[in-house]
N, C-alpha and C. Protein backbone atom coordinates (compact mmCIF):
# COMPACT_ATOMS: atom_id res chain seq x y z
N MET A 1 55.32 93.57 117.60
CA MET A 1 55.56 93.22 116.35
C MET A 1 54.65 92.04 115.83
N SER A 2 54.26 92.19 114.91
CA SER A 2 53.05 90.98 114.47
C SER A 2 53.85 89.75 113.87
N HIS A 3 53.10 88.46 114.45
CA HIS A 3 53.64 87.50 114.11
C HIS A 3 54.40 87.49 112.39
N ALA A 4 53.50 87.80 111.13
CA ALA A 4 54.59 88.51 110.15
C ALA A 4 55.85 89.10 110.11
N HIS A 5 55.73 89.97 110.78
CA HIS A 5 57.05 90.29 111.17
C HIS A 5 57.87 89.72 111.83
N ALA A 6 57.86 89.21 112.78
CA ALA A 6 58.57 88.09 113.33
C ALA A 6 59.04 87.35 112.96
N LEU A 7 58.39 86.57 111.82
CA LEU A 7 58.35 85.56 110.66
C LEU A 7 59.42 86.03 109.62
N ILE A 8 59.36 86.85 109.11
CA ILE A 8 60.16 87.71 108.36
C ILE A 8 61.82 87.88 109.07
N LEU A 9 61.47 88.38 110.00
CA LEU A 9 62.93 88.85 111.09
C LEU A 9 63.72 87.50 110.98
N ALA A 10 63.46 86.35 111.70
CA ALA A 10 63.79 85.27 112.23
C ALA A 10 63.84 84.44 110.61
N SER A 11 63.51 84.89 109.50
CA SER A 11 64.00 84.19 108.05
C SER A 11 65.08 85.21 107.74
N TRP A 12 65.37 86.41 107.84
CA TRP A 12 66.86 86.67 107.48
C TRP A 12 67.26 86.18 108.30
N ALA A 13 67.71 86.25 110.07
CA ALA A 13 68.21 85.37 110.65
C ALA A 13 69.12 84.64 110.29
N ALA A 14 68.38 83.56 110.10
CA ALA A 14 68.38 82.05 109.36
C ALA A 14 69.31 82.46 108.43
N VAL A 15 68.56 83.18 107.42
CA VAL A 15 69.83 83.17 105.58
C VAL A 15 71.28 83.86 106.59
N TYR A 16 71.36 84.38 107.50
CA TYR A 16 72.44 84.86 108.06
C TYR A 16 73.76 84.07 108.79
N LEU A 17 72.88 83.10 109.70
CA LEU A 17 73.33 82.18 110.28
C LEU A 17 73.71 81.18 109.17
N LEU A 18 72.91 80.80 108.33
CA LEU A 18 73.37 79.66 107.25
C LEU A 18 74.65 80.47 106.60
N PHE A 19 74.74 81.83 106.33
CA PHE A 19 75.67 82.21 105.29
C PHE A 19 76.86 82.00 106.42
N LEU A 20 76.88 82.03 107.80
CA LEU A 20 78.06 82.59 108.53
C LEU A 20 78.73 81.07 108.66
N TRP A 21 77.79 79.67 108.84
CA TRP A 21 78.47 78.62 108.47
C TRP A 21 78.81 78.10 107.21
N TRP A 22 78.70 78.55 106.41
CA TRP A 22 78.94 78.48 104.64
C TRP A 22 80.03 79.36 104.58
N TRP A 23 80.36 80.55 104.99
CA TRP A 23 81.14 81.59 105.00
C TRP A 23 82.85 80.61 106.17
N GLY A 24 82.42 80.12 107.33
CA GLY A 24 83.41 79.33 108.29
C GLY A 24 84.89 80.26 108.43
N GLY A 25 85.69 79.60 108.63
CA GLY A 25 87.00 80.64 108.83
C GLY A 25 87.66 80.30 109.88
N ARG A 26 86.73 79.11 110.98
CA ARG A 26 87.06 79.44 112.26
C ARG A 26 87.26 78.05 112.39
N GLY A 27 87.47 77.16 111.84
CA GLY A 27 87.11 75.48 111.88
C GLY A 27 88.56 74.80 112.33
N GLN A 28 88.49 73.52 112.69
CA GLN A 28 89.49 72.69 113.06
C GLN A 28 90.57 72.44 112.07
N PRO A 29 91.91 72.15 112.99
CA PRO A 29 93.01 72.33 111.91
C PRO A 29 93.04 70.68 111.43
N LEU A 30 93.57 70.58 110.25
CA LEU A 30 93.45 69.27 109.55
C LEU A 30 94.19 68.20 110.49
N THR A 31 93.84 67.20 110.44
CA THR A 31 94.60 65.93 111.48
C THR A 31 96.23 65.61 110.75
N ALA A 32 96.71 64.54 111.58
CA ALA A 32 97.79 64.32 110.86
C ALA A 32 97.62 63.09 110.01
N PRO A 33 95.95 62.55 110.35
CA PRO A 33 96.02 61.18 108.65
C PRO A 33 95.47 61.90 107.90
N GLU A 34 94.82 63.66 107.78
CA GLU A 34 94.14 63.78 106.84
C GLU A 34 95.11 64.36 106.07
N LEU A 35 96.38 65.18 106.47
CA LEU A 35 97.27 65.44 106.13
C LEU A 35 97.89 64.75 105.24
N SER A 36 97.71 63.58 105.54
CA SER A 36 99.25 62.85 104.80
C SER A 36 98.20 62.50 103.76
N ALA A 37 97.23 61.89 103.89
CA ALA A 37 96.16 61.22 102.93
C ALA A 37 96.31 62.53 101.93
N GLY A 38 95.42 63.77 102.34
CA GLY A 38 95.70 64.67 101.13
C GLY A 38 96.87 65.01 100.45
N LEU A 39 98.08 64.51 100.86
CA LEU A 39 99.01 65.25 100.07
C LEU A 39 99.55 63.97 99.43
N GLU A 40 98.91 62.70 99.64
CA GLU A 40 99.45 61.18 98.89
C GLU A 40 98.55 61.76 97.91
N LYS A 41 97.39 62.52 97.95
CA LYS A 41 96.20 62.53 96.59
C LYS A 41 96.69 63.63 95.60
N LEU A 42 97.00 64.84 96.30
CA LEU A 42 97.66 65.80 95.83
C LEU A 42 98.89 65.03 95.12
N GLN A 43 100.38 64.58 95.46
CA GLN A 43 100.82 64.10 94.58
C GLN A 43 100.51 63.25 93.39
N SER A 44 99.51 62.19 93.44
CA SER A 44 99.14 61.28 92.37
C SER A 44 98.57 61.71 91.23
N VAL A 45 97.96 63.16 91.84
CA VAL A 45 97.31 63.83 90.75
C VAL A 45 97.95 65.42 90.00
N VAL A 46 99.01 65.55 90.15
CA VAL A 46 100.12 66.29 89.96
C VAL A 46 100.26 66.29 88.30
N SER A 47 99.77 67.08 87.55
CA SER A 47 100.57 66.90 86.37
C SER A 47 101.56 67.76 85.59
N GLY A 48 101.20 69.02 86.29
CA GLY A 48 102.53 70.36 85.87
C GLY A 48 103.85 70.40 86.30
N PRO A 49 103.86 71.81 86.34
CA PRO A 49 105.35 71.46 86.45
C PRO A 49 105.97 71.69 88.15
N LEU A 50 104.82 71.13 89.07
CA LEU A 50 104.94 70.96 90.59
C LEU A 50 106.45 70.48 90.88
N SER A 51 107.21 71.06 91.50
CA SER A 51 108.63 69.92 91.85
C SER A 51 108.02 69.37 93.50
N GLN A 52 109.45 68.75 93.80
CA GLN A 52 109.39 68.15 94.75
C GLN A 52 109.48 69.16 96.34
N ALA A 53 110.30 69.92 95.74
CA ALA A 53 110.55 71.09 96.47
C ALA A 53 108.83 72.23 96.71
N HIS A 54 108.70 72.15 95.77
CA HIS A 54 106.85 72.44 95.63
C HIS A 54 106.28 72.31 96.75
N LEU A 55 106.12 70.76 96.35
CA LEU A 55 105.03 69.95 97.31
C LEU A 55 105.90 69.84 98.55
N ASP A 56 106.91 69.73 99.24
CA ASP A 56 107.45 70.31 100.37
C ASP A 56 107.19 71.18 101.01
N GLU A 57 107.06 72.36 100.10
CA GLU A 57 106.37 73.54 100.65
C GLU A 57 105.07 73.60 101.10
N VAL A 58 104.15 72.95 100.00
CA VAL A 58 102.92 72.86 100.58
C VAL A 58 102.32 72.19 102.00
N GLU A 59 102.93 70.96 101.95
CA GLU A 59 103.32 70.24 103.15
C GLU A 59 103.69 71.21 104.25
N GLN A 60 104.87 72.04 104.33
CA GLN A 60 105.15 72.56 105.65
C GLN A 60 104.21 73.43 106.29
N PHE A 61 103.26 73.97 104.84
CA PHE A 61 102.37 75.05 104.86
C PHE A 61 101.43 74.65 105.59
N LEU A 62 101.12 73.27 105.05
CA LEU A 62 99.29 72.88 105.89
C LEU A 62 100.18 72.39 107.46
N SER A 63 101.40 71.60 107.51
CA SER A 63 101.28 70.92 108.72
C SER A 63 101.48 71.88 109.44
N HIS A 64 101.33 73.02 109.59
CA HIS A 64 101.03 74.37 110.60
C HIS A 64 100.09 75.24 110.49
N ASP A 65 98.69 74.16 110.15
CA ASP A 65 97.48 74.56 110.24
C ASP A 65 96.67 74.93 111.57
N ASP A 66 95.90 76.04 111.99
CA ASP A 66 95.18 76.18 112.51
C ASP A 66 93.67 76.36 112.44
N GLY A 67 93.38 75.90 111.32
CA GLY A 67 92.19 76.12 111.33
C GLY A 67 91.12 76.83 111.07
N ARG A 68 92.45 78.40 110.77
CA ARG A 68 91.49 79.71 110.28
C ARG A 68 91.37 79.87 108.87
N GLU A 69 90.75 81.25 108.74
CA GLU A 69 90.88 81.34 107.35
C GLU A 69 92.24 82.07 106.66
N PHE A 70 92.54 82.49 105.62
CA PHE A 70 93.53 83.03 105.25
C PHE A 70 93.80 83.88 103.79
N ILE A 71 94.66 84.15 103.92
CA ILE A 71 94.43 85.43 102.38
C ILE A 71 95.66 84.10 101.63
N MET A 72 95.77 84.38 100.58
CA MET A 72 96.89 84.21 99.64
C MET A 72 97.20 84.86 98.23
N ALA A 73 98.29 85.66 99.07
CA ALA A 73 98.98 86.56 98.13
C ALA A 73 100.10 85.90 96.50
N ASN A 74 99.71 86.50 95.80
CA ASN A 74 99.83 86.33 94.69
C ASN A 74 100.45 87.30 93.72
N ALA A 75 102.27 86.90 93.11
CA ALA A 75 102.37 88.30 91.95
C ALA A 75 102.73 87.12 91.19
N VAL A 76 102.54 87.25 89.69
CA VAL A 76 102.66 86.87 88.81
C VAL A 76 102.98 87.45 87.32
N LEU A 77 103.88 86.54 87.22
CA LEU A 77 105.16 87.40 85.94
C LEU A 77 104.35 86.56 84.55
N TYR A 78 103.61 87.01 83.59
CA TYR A 78 103.18 86.25 82.23
C TYR A 78 104.67 85.69 81.68
N ARG A 79 104.38 84.94 80.78
CA ARG A 79 105.39 84.06 79.89
C ARG A 79 104.88 84.92 78.60
N GLN A 80 105.90 85.04 77.65
CA GLN A 80 105.88 85.80 76.42
C GLN A 80 105.20 85.26 75.25
N GLN A 81 105.07 83.50 75.48
CA GLN A 81 103.64 82.68 74.63
C GLN A 81 103.62 81.65 75.64
N ALA A 82 102.08 81.45 75.98
CA ALA A 82 101.68 80.66 76.68
C ALA A 82 102.23 79.15 76.45
N LEU A 83 102.62 78.36 77.25
CA LEU A 83 103.79 77.24 76.79
C LEU A 83 102.71 75.60 77.63
N TYR A 84 101.90 75.15 76.51
CA TYR A 84 100.71 74.36 76.61
C TYR A 84 101.66 72.75 76.03
N PRO A 85 101.03 72.01 76.68
CA PRO A 85 101.45 70.77 76.03
C PRO A 85 101.12 70.85 74.46
N GLU A 86 101.90 69.59 73.66
CA GLU A 86 102.03 69.84 72.02
C GLU A 86 100.75 69.17 71.57
N ASN A 87 100.16 69.68 70.51
CA ASN A 87 98.27 69.53 70.20
C ASN A 87 97.17 70.27 71.31
N SER A 88 98.00 70.81 72.01
CA SER A 88 96.38 70.98 73.45
C SER A 88 95.50 71.65 72.33
N GLY A 89 96.06 72.24 71.64
CA GLY A 89 94.80 73.09 70.73
C GLY A 89 94.53 74.64 70.92
N PHE A 90 95.60 75.16 72.31
CA PHE A 90 95.26 76.21 72.75
C PHE A 90 96.20 77.37 72.28
N GLY A 91 95.50 78.28 71.60
CA GLY A 91 96.48 79.35 71.40
C GLY A 91 97.84 79.87 72.39
N PRO A 92 98.89 81.27 72.25
CA PRO A 92 100.06 81.49 72.20
C PRO A 92 99.54 82.85 73.52
N ASP A 93 98.34 83.04 73.39
CA ASP A 93 98.38 84.22 74.28
C ASP A 93 98.46 83.92 75.52
N PRO A 94 99.19 84.29 77.03
CA PRO A 94 99.50 83.62 78.11
C PRO A 94 98.13 84.65 78.29
N ARG A 95 97.68 85.33 78.43
CA ARG A 95 96.77 86.01 78.75
C ARG A 95 95.67 85.50 78.77
N ALA A 96 94.98 85.05 77.52
CA ALA A 96 94.18 83.88 77.33
C ALA A 96 94.00 82.65 78.15
N ALA A 97 95.24 81.87 78.18
CA ALA A 97 95.64 80.83 79.28
C ALA A 97 95.36 81.37 80.83
N ASP A 98 95.63 82.40 81.29
CA ASP A 98 95.64 83.06 82.57
C ASP A 98 93.92 82.78 82.47
N GLN A 99 93.10 83.64 81.29
CA GLN A 99 91.30 83.69 82.02
C GLN A 99 90.87 82.44 82.07
N ARG A 100 91.44 81.44 81.03
CA ARG A 100 90.42 79.91 81.02
C ARG A 100 90.69 79.52 82.89
N TYR A 101 91.98 80.00 82.92
CA TYR A 101 92.30 79.13 84.60
C TYR A 101 91.22 79.81 85.53
N GLY A 102 91.17 81.41 84.72
CA GLY A 102 90.33 82.02 86.34
C GLY A 102 88.40 81.60 86.12
N LYS A 103 88.36 81.24 85.12
CA LYS A 103 86.91 80.94 84.67
C LYS A 103 86.88 79.58 85.01
N ALA A 104 87.84 78.90 84.99
CA ALA A 104 87.35 77.83 85.51
C ALA A 104 87.67 76.94 87.12
N ILE A 105 87.87 77.76 88.14
CA ILE A 105 88.50 78.03 89.07
C ILE A 105 87.36 78.62 89.60
N ILE A 106 86.67 79.58 89.18
CA ILE A 106 85.39 79.90 90.18
C ILE A 106 84.32 79.21 90.83
N TRP A 107 83.92 77.99 90.43
CA TRP A 107 83.00 77.04 91.06
C TRP A 107 84.37 76.40 92.33
N PRO A 108 85.19 75.67 91.63
CA PRO A 108 85.93 75.19 92.65
C PRO A 108 85.99 75.92 94.10
N LEU A 109 86.49 77.43 93.44
CA LEU A 109 86.35 78.10 94.79
C LEU A 109 85.11 78.56 95.71
N LEU A 110 84.58 78.85 94.84
CA LEU A 110 83.09 79.17 95.11
C LEU A 110 82.26 78.61 96.38
N LYS A 111 82.28 77.26 96.19
CA LYS A 111 81.60 76.30 97.03
C LYS A 111 83.03 75.75 98.20
N ARG A 112 83.84 76.08 98.26
CA ARG A 112 84.59 76.33 99.63
C ARG A 112 84.64 77.88 100.20
N ALA A 113 83.75 78.10 99.68
CA ALA A 113 83.72 79.73 100.25
C ALA A 113 84.73 80.62 100.07
N SER A 114 85.64 80.26 99.14
CA SER A 114 86.96 80.85 99.07
C SER A 114 86.81 82.06 97.90
N LEU A 115 87.07 83.25 97.58
CA LEU A 115 87.56 83.99 96.57
C LEU A 115 88.33 84.81 96.09
N PRO A 116 88.62 85.00 95.29
CA PRO A 116 89.08 86.33 94.46
C PRO A 116 88.93 87.52 95.79
N ILE A 117 89.43 88.33 96.42
CA ILE A 117 89.02 89.58 96.74
C ILE A 117 89.91 91.08 96.22
N LEU A 118 91.19 90.35 95.50
CA LEU A 118 91.90 91.70 94.66
C LEU A 118 92.53 91.20 93.74
N ILE A 119 92.04 91.53 92.49
CA ILE A 119 93.27 91.79 91.37
C ILE A 119 93.27 92.74 90.89
N ALA A 120 94.64 92.80 90.97
CA ALA A 120 95.29 94.38 90.37
C ALA A 120 96.53 93.89 89.58
N ARG A 121 96.51 95.24 88.25
CA ARG A 121 96.95 95.30 87.33
C ARG A 121 98.22 95.66 87.96
N LYS A 122 99.58 95.67 87.71
CA LYS A 122 100.23 96.74 87.64
C LYS A 122 100.81 97.70 86.58
N ILE A 123 101.16 98.96 87.15
CA ILE A 123 101.23 100.29 86.75
C ILE A 123 102.09 100.87 86.43
N GLY A 124 102.87 100.33 87.28
CA GLY A 124 104.38 101.77 87.30
C GLY A 124 105.54 100.72 88.30
N GLN A 125 106.71 101.28 88.74
CA GLN A 125 107.48 101.19 89.38
C GLN A 125 107.67 102.46 90.88
N PHE A 126 107.85 101.77 91.31
CA PHE A 126 108.06 102.60 93.02
C PHE A 126 109.37 101.86 93.66
N VAL A 127 109.46 101.79 94.71
CA VAL A 127 110.17 100.77 95.19
C VAL A 127 110.76 99.15 94.86
N ASN A 128 111.75 99.13 93.97
CA ASN A 128 111.96 97.58 93.31
C ASN A 128 113.42 96.86 93.71
N ASP A 129 113.37 96.37 94.03
CA ASP A 129 114.84 95.23 93.76
C ASP A 129 115.06 95.12 92.49
N ALA A 130 116.34 95.46 92.32
CA ALA A 130 117.01 95.29 90.55
C ALA A 130 116.87 93.77 90.41
N GLN A 131 116.85 92.82 91.30
CA GLN A 131 116.54 91.38 90.72
C GLN A 131 115.61 90.80 90.85
N ALA A 132 113.99 91.64 91.26
CA ALA A 132 112.88 90.81 91.58
C ALA A 132 112.52 91.43 90.02
N PRO A 133 111.48 90.22 89.71
CA PRO A 133 110.75 90.12 88.24
C PRO A 133 110.15 91.01 87.98
N GLU A 134 109.49 91.33 86.77
CA GLU A 134 108.53 92.33 86.45
C GLU A 134 107.15 92.08 86.50
N TRP A 135 106.74 91.61 87.37
CA TRP A 135 105.40 91.57 88.01
C TRP A 135 104.89 91.92 87.22
N HIS A 136 103.29 91.58 86.79
CA HIS A 136 102.41 91.78 85.81
C HIS A 136 100.97 91.68 87.01
N TYR A 137 100.94 91.48 87.40
CA TYR A 137 99.65 91.90 87.96
C TYR A 137 99.59 90.62 89.96
N VAL A 138 98.97 91.46 90.52
CA VAL A 138 99.24 90.42 91.97
C VAL A 138 97.62 90.32 91.90
N ALA A 139 97.17 89.24 93.21
CA ALA A 139 95.90 88.98 93.30
C ALA A 139 95.73 88.20 94.86
N LEU A 140 94.49 88.43 95.99
CA LEU A 140 94.66 88.22 96.40
C LEU A 140 92.96 87.31 96.96
N VAL A 141 93.86 86.40 97.49
CA VAL A 141 92.67 84.98 97.39
C VAL A 141 92.14 84.55 98.80
N ARG A 142 90.81 84.67 98.75
CA ARG A 142 90.67 84.26 100.28
C ARG A 142 90.39 82.83 100.35
N TYR A 143 90.68 82.06 101.90
CA TYR A 143 90.61 80.81 101.80
C TYR A 143 89.90 80.62 102.89
N ARG A 144 88.99 79.53 103.02
CA ARG A 144 88.13 79.28 104.33
C ARG A 144 88.96 78.94 105.04
N SER A 145 90.00 77.82 104.50
CA SER A 145 90.93 76.90 105.63
C SER A 145 92.10 76.59 104.98
N ARG A 146 93.04 75.62 105.32
CA ARG A 146 94.21 75.11 104.90
C ARG A 146 93.80 73.88 104.02
N ARG A 147 92.54 73.39 104.54
CA ARG A 147 92.07 72.36 104.35
C ARG A 147 91.42 72.48 102.66
N ASP A 148 90.38 73.56 102.94
CA ASP A 148 90.28 73.85 101.46
C ASP A 148 91.15 74.03 100.43
N PHE A 149 92.03 74.61 101.03
CA PHE A 149 92.82 74.91 100.06
C PHE A 149 93.61 73.71 99.51
N LEU A 150 93.60 72.62 100.35
CA LEU A 150 94.35 71.65 99.84
C LEU A 150 93.40 70.80 99.25
N ASN A 151 92.25 70.98 99.23
CA ASN A 151 90.89 69.60 98.45
C ASN A 151 90.90 70.73 96.84
N PHE A 152 91.01 72.29 97.33
CA PHE A 152 90.87 72.92 95.79
C PHE A 152 91.95 72.98 95.21
N ALA A 153 93.18 72.42 95.38
CA ALA A 153 94.37 72.20 94.89
C ALA A 153 94.09 70.96 94.50
N ILE A 154 93.56 69.84 94.90
CA ILE A 154 93.12 68.43 94.57
C ILE A 154 92.48 68.28 93.36
N GLU A 155 91.14 69.64 93.53
CA GLU A 155 90.56 69.08 92.50
C GLU A 155 90.99 69.72 91.24
N ILE A 156 91.28 71.10 91.26
CA ILE A 156 92.17 71.43 90.05
C ILE A 156 93.29 70.89 89.48
N GLU A 157 94.07 70.23 90.36
CA GLU A 157 94.74 68.68 89.43
C GLU A 157 94.36 67.89 88.56
N ARG A 158 93.48 67.21 89.37
CA ARG A 158 92.68 66.51 88.98
C ARG A 158 91.84 66.40 87.62
N ARG A 159 91.28 68.23 87.66
CA ARG A 159 90.31 68.32 86.94
C ARG A 159 90.92 68.66 85.31
N GLY A 160 92.56 68.88 85.45
CA GLY A 160 93.46 69.38 84.30
C GLY A 160 93.39 70.99 83.95
N ILE A 161 92.86 71.40 85.50
CA ILE A 161 92.93 72.62 85.36
C ILE A 161 94.06 73.42 85.52
N SER A 162 95.14 73.19 86.09
CA SER A 162 96.07 73.93 86.39
C SER A 162 97.05 73.99 85.34
N VAL A 163 96.39 73.26 83.69
CA VAL A 163 97.36 73.90 82.87
C VAL A 163 97.73 74.57 82.32
N HIS A 164 96.56 75.37 82.36
CA HIS A 164 96.10 77.12 81.75
C HIS A 164 96.92 77.78 82.92
N LYS A 165 96.73 77.89 84.05
CA LYS A 165 97.97 78.94 84.65
C LYS A 165 99.16 78.35 84.30
N TRP A 166 99.74 77.22 84.38
CA TRP A 166 101.36 77.20 84.18
C TRP A 166 101.88 77.00 82.43
N ALA A 167 100.57 77.10 82.13
CA ALA A 167 100.95 77.78 80.63
C ALA A 167 101.26 79.52 80.35
N ALA A 168 100.53 80.00 81.11
CA ALA A 168 100.48 81.25 81.04
C ALA A 168 101.57 82.09 82.03
N ILE A 169 102.05 81.50 82.93
CA ILE A 169 103.27 81.87 84.32
C ILE A 169 104.13 81.63 83.84
N GLU A 170 105.15 82.52 83.50
CA GLU A 170 106.80 82.57 83.21
C GLU A 170 107.47 82.33 84.86
N GLN A 171 106.89 82.97 86.25
CA GLN A 171 107.12 82.87 87.30
C GLN A 171 105.64 83.66 88.36
N THR A 172 106.06 82.83 89.89
CA THR A 172 105.18 83.55 90.22
C THR A 172 105.69 83.51 92.13
N GLN A 173 105.14 84.31 92.94
CA GLN A 173 105.19 84.30 94.01
C GLN A 173 104.43 84.38 94.87
N VAL A 174 104.41 83.60 95.60
CA VAL A 174 102.94 82.44 96.27
C VAL A 174 103.06 82.84 98.03
N PHE A 175 102.45 83.56 98.58
CA PHE A 175 102.57 83.43 100.59
C PHE A 175 101.36 83.60 101.23
N PRO A 176 100.98 82.58 101.81
CA PRO A 176 99.83 83.17 103.13
C PRO A 176 99.86 84.41 103.77
N VAL A 177 98.67 84.90 103.69
CA VAL A 177 98.59 86.52 105.10
C VAL A 177 97.56 86.32 105.35
N ARG A 178 97.74 86.92 106.98
CA ARG A 178 96.64 87.15 107.82
C ARG A 178 96.13 88.92 107.98
N PRO A 179 95.00 89.85 107.43
CA PRO A 179 94.92 90.78 107.58
C PRO A 179 95.26 91.01 109.02
N LEU A 180 95.93 92.22 109.45
CA LEU A 180 95.67 93.33 110.17
C LEU A 180 94.40 93.85 110.63
N ILE A 181 94.43 95.04 109.62
CA ILE A 181 93.47 95.93 109.48
C ILE A 181 93.15 95.78 108.03
N SER A 182 91.77 96.12 107.96
CA SER A 182 90.84 95.39 106.57
C SER A 182 89.57 96.16 106.68
N VAL A 183 89.25 96.98 105.21
CA VAL A 183 88.13 97.59 105.74
C VAL A 183 87.12 96.42 104.87
N PHE A 184 87.39 95.58 104.55
CA PHE A 184 86.19 94.37 103.90
C PHE A 184 86.24 93.07 105.14
N SER A 185 85.34 93.24 105.09
CA SER A 185 85.00 91.93 106.17
C SER A 185 83.65 91.68 105.78
N ALA A 186 83.35 90.34 105.41
CA ALA A 186 82.26 89.41 104.29
C ALA A 186 81.05 89.30 105.42
N ARG A 187 81.86 89.08 106.70
CA ARG A 187 80.97 89.18 108.06
C ARG A 187 79.36 90.29 108.06
N LEU A 188 80.38 91.57 108.35
CA LEU A 188 79.61 92.70 108.49
C LEU A 188 78.63 93.07 107.71
N ASN A 189 79.78 92.65 106.12
CA ASN A 189 78.94 93.19 104.91
C ASN A 189 77.40 92.36 104.84
N MET A 190 77.64 91.31 104.96
CA MET A 190 76.23 90.34 104.92
C MET A 190 75.14 90.64 106.28
N ALA A 191 75.72 90.82 107.30
CA ALA A 191 75.00 91.10 108.58
C ALA A 191 74.38 92.86 108.02
N VAL A 192 74.55 93.69 107.38
CA VAL A 192 74.25 94.96 106.81
C VAL A 192 73.18 94.63 106.08
N ILE A 193 73.90 93.74 105.21
CA ILE A 193 72.60 93.63 103.89
C ILE A 193 71.34 92.82 104.24
N CYS A 194 71.61 91.75 104.87
CA CYS A 194 70.36 90.90 105.75
C CYS A 194 69.85 91.78 106.85
N ALA A 195 70.16 92.68 107.40
CA ALA A 195 69.23 93.47 108.27
C ALA A 195 68.44 94.77 107.38
N LEU A 196 69.64 95.17 105.86
CA LEU A 196 68.27 95.91 105.35
C LEU A 196 67.67 95.57 104.34
N LEU A 197 67.82 94.27 104.06
CA LEU A 197 66.31 93.50 102.96
C LEU A 197 65.43 93.17 104.22
N ALA A 198 65.70 92.99 105.31
CA ALA A 198 64.79 92.47 106.54
C ALA A 198 63.98 93.76 106.55
N TRP A 199 64.42 94.92 107.14
CA TRP A 199 63.73 96.03 107.13
C TRP A 199 62.97 96.15 105.84
N GLY A 200 63.49 96.46 104.78
CA GLY A 200 62.81 96.90 103.70
C GLY A 200 61.55 95.80 103.17
N THR A 201 61.37 94.72 103.56
CA THR A 201 60.38 93.58 103.82
C THR A 201 59.36 94.05 104.61
N VAL A 202 60.08 94.12 105.97
CA VAL A 202 58.94 94.60 106.94
C VAL A 202 57.98 96.06 106.17
N GLN A 203 59.07 97.13 106.01
CA GLN A 203 58.57 97.94 105.97
C GLN A 203 56.99 97.82 104.44
N CYS A 204 57.04 96.84 103.38
CA CYS A 204 56.80 96.90 102.53
C CYS A 204 55.11 96.07 102.83
N LEU A 205 55.65 95.29 104.07
CA LEU A 205 54.20 94.90 104.54
C LEU A 205 53.69 96.10 105.54
N ALA A 206 53.89 96.99 105.86
CA ALA A 206 53.63 98.01 106.74
C ALA A 206 52.16 98.72 106.20
């Protein structure tokens, strides 16, 4: 192997290692002081219809932190008309409000190695509890850690992004999950991409 080829392989290996550092998912749990300070900050910036019960649920979720990545499952029912504060200047379309929210959270998510891995529109009924809402869509969002989830929530509340979410949504059910079986593996996919690019670069120099 030539020096140039070795340098190429080392460079792509470094890219992959940098990705693994950014992607994370196996960090340290929130400390008690960190959790307390984070919850206090979240309470100070909340401007939407989050009740004390919701904040208690957030605290309960965060207090069982294991430092690992997770996926937040969301089921969403739209309002008939978007419910913005008076004189907000936004229209009544709840889907447009939800799109504003989706666009606004892209960077707050990505900079924390978090991202939607599935957004799916409901297309019919199968097994359904008569008391269950008529959900419009479901979304699965990957978070690197509960620490990142907390910091993400603080940021979107502080920047007023969540106003679009609550304007759009009549009802939602949200709960964390961790895959048991999944065909999606960012670490494996990135390893394959880096290997193929390294091989392709070497071939170009051959």
